[in-house]
Protein backbone atom coordinates (compact mmCIF):
# COMPACT_ATOMS: atom_id res chain seq x y z
CA MET A 1 -14.19 -17.22 -36.55
CA VAL A 2 -14.75 -13.87 -38.25
CA LEU A 3 -17.99 -15.17 -39.76
CA LEU A 4 -19.18 -16.31 -36.35
CA ASP A 5 -18.33 -12.89 -34.94
CA LEU A 6 -20.27 -11.22 -37.73
CA LEU A 7 -23.29 -13.49 -37.31
CA THR A 8 -23.46 -12.85 -33.57
CA LEU A 9 -22.94 -9.08 -34.01
CA GLY A 10 -19.64 -9.10 -32.13
CA LEU A 11 -20.97 -10.94 -29.08
CA TRP A 12 -18.70 -13.96 -29.63
CA SER A 13 -15.52 -12.01 -28.87
CA LYS A 14 -17.18 -10.34 -25.88
CA LEU A 15 -18.21 -13.74 -24.53
CA GLY A 16 -14.60 -14.93 -24.72
CA ARG A 17 -13.37 -11.84 -22.92
CA LEU A 18 -16.06 -12.21 -20.23
CA THR A 19 -15.12 -15.87 -19.77
CA HIS A 20 -11.46 -14.91 -19.40
CA TYR A 21 -12.26 -12.27 -16.76
CA ALA A 22 -14.53 -14.69 -14.87
CA PHE A 23 -11.79 -17.34 -14.85
CA ASP A 24 -9.27 -14.78 -13.58
CA ALA A 25 -11.68 -13.69 -10.82
CA VAL A 26 -12.19 -17.30 -9.68
CA LEU A 27 -8.45 -17.91 -9.79
CA PHE A 28 -7.82 -14.85 -7.60
CA SER A 29 -10.53 -15.95 -5.18
CA ALA A 30 -8.92 -19.39 -4.94
CA PHE A 31 -5.57 -17.69 -4.32
CA LEU A 32 -7.11 -15.78 -1.40
CA ALA A 33 -8.60 -19.03 -0.06
CA GLY A 34 -5.21 -20.73 -0.25
CA MET A 35 -3.60 -17.80 1.50
CA LYS A 36 -6.22 -18.04 4.24
CA ARG A 37 -5.61 -21.75 4.71
CA SER A 38 -1.83 -21.68 4.69
CA THR A 39 -1.23 -18.51 6.74
CA GLY A 40 -4.48 -17.81 8.57
CA LEU A 41 -4.75 -14.34 7.04
CA THR A 42 -8.34 -13.47 6.15
CA PHE A 43 -9.75 -10.77 3.92
CA LYS A 44 -11.63 -8.05 5.81
CA THR A 45 -14.93 -7.73 3.98
CA ASP A 46 -16.02 -4.78 6.09
CA LYS A 47 -13.17 -2.71 4.60
CA VAL A 48 -14.67 -3.21 1.12
CA ALA A 49 -18.35 -3.13 1.98
CA GLY A 50 -18.42 -0.61 4.80
CA ASP A 51 -21.96 -0.53 6.16
CA ASN A 52 -23.52 -1.96 2.99
CA LYS A 53 -24.78 -5.45 3.84
CA GLU A 54 -25.55 -6.27 0.18
CA VAL A 55 -21.94 -5.72 -0.90
CA SER A 56 -20.71 -7.67 2.09
CA LYS A 57 -22.96 -10.57 1.09
CA TRP A 58 -21.59 -10.55 -2.48
CA VAL A 59 -17.97 -10.41 -1.30
CA ASP A 60 -18.62 -13.35 1.03
CA LYS A 61 -20.15 -15.30 -1.85
CA TYR A 62 -17.17 -14.45 -4.06
CA LEU A 63 -14.74 -15.66 -1.41
CA GLY A 64 -16.89 -18.75 -0.88
CA VAL A 65 -16.42 -19.66 -4.55
CA GLY A 66 -12.67 -19.57 -3.99
CA GLU A 67 -13.03 -21.82 -0.95
CA TRP A 68 -15.10 -24.28 -2.99
CA VAL A 69 -12.59 -24.27 -5.86
CA MET A 70 -9.79 -24.84 -3.36
CA ASP A 71 -11.66 -27.76 -1.75
CA GLN A 72 -12.37 -29.37 -5.11
CA SER A 73 -8.79 -28.89 -6.29
CA VAL A 74 -7.38 -30.48 -3.14
CA ALA A 75 -9.82 -33.39 -3.40
CA ILE A 76 -8.95 -34.05 -7.04
CA ALA A 77 -5.21 -33.71 -6.44
CA GLY A 78 -5.42 -35.96 -3.37
CA SER A 79 -7.18 -38.72 -5.27
CA SER A 80 -4.77 -38.65 -8.22
CA GLY A 81 -1.49 -40.48 -8.33
CA TRP A 82 0.47 -37.34 -9.17
CA PHE A 83 0.48 -35.89 -5.64
CA GLU A 84 1.24 -37.20 -2.16
CA ARG A 85 0.77 -35.74 1.29
CA THR A 86 4.00 -35.04 3.13
CA ARG A 87 2.66 -33.75 6.46
């Protein structure tokens, strides 16, 4: 691993850290999507973005990733034998 880090000039460890942060960001977005579905509470994007439409667009895309991850997770769990619907 040290040799690989040396050959890539330290980029290998940075790639792992970036992957970890990206996974954490997607996990938090999925948490917000689950909170929205179970309680109805939604995240106010205008509080973050203000009048900036570009930031608002990126926040909406970020939250959309969480919605997609939540949909896929529910579909996979629903088709497996490990989970059952109770309501």
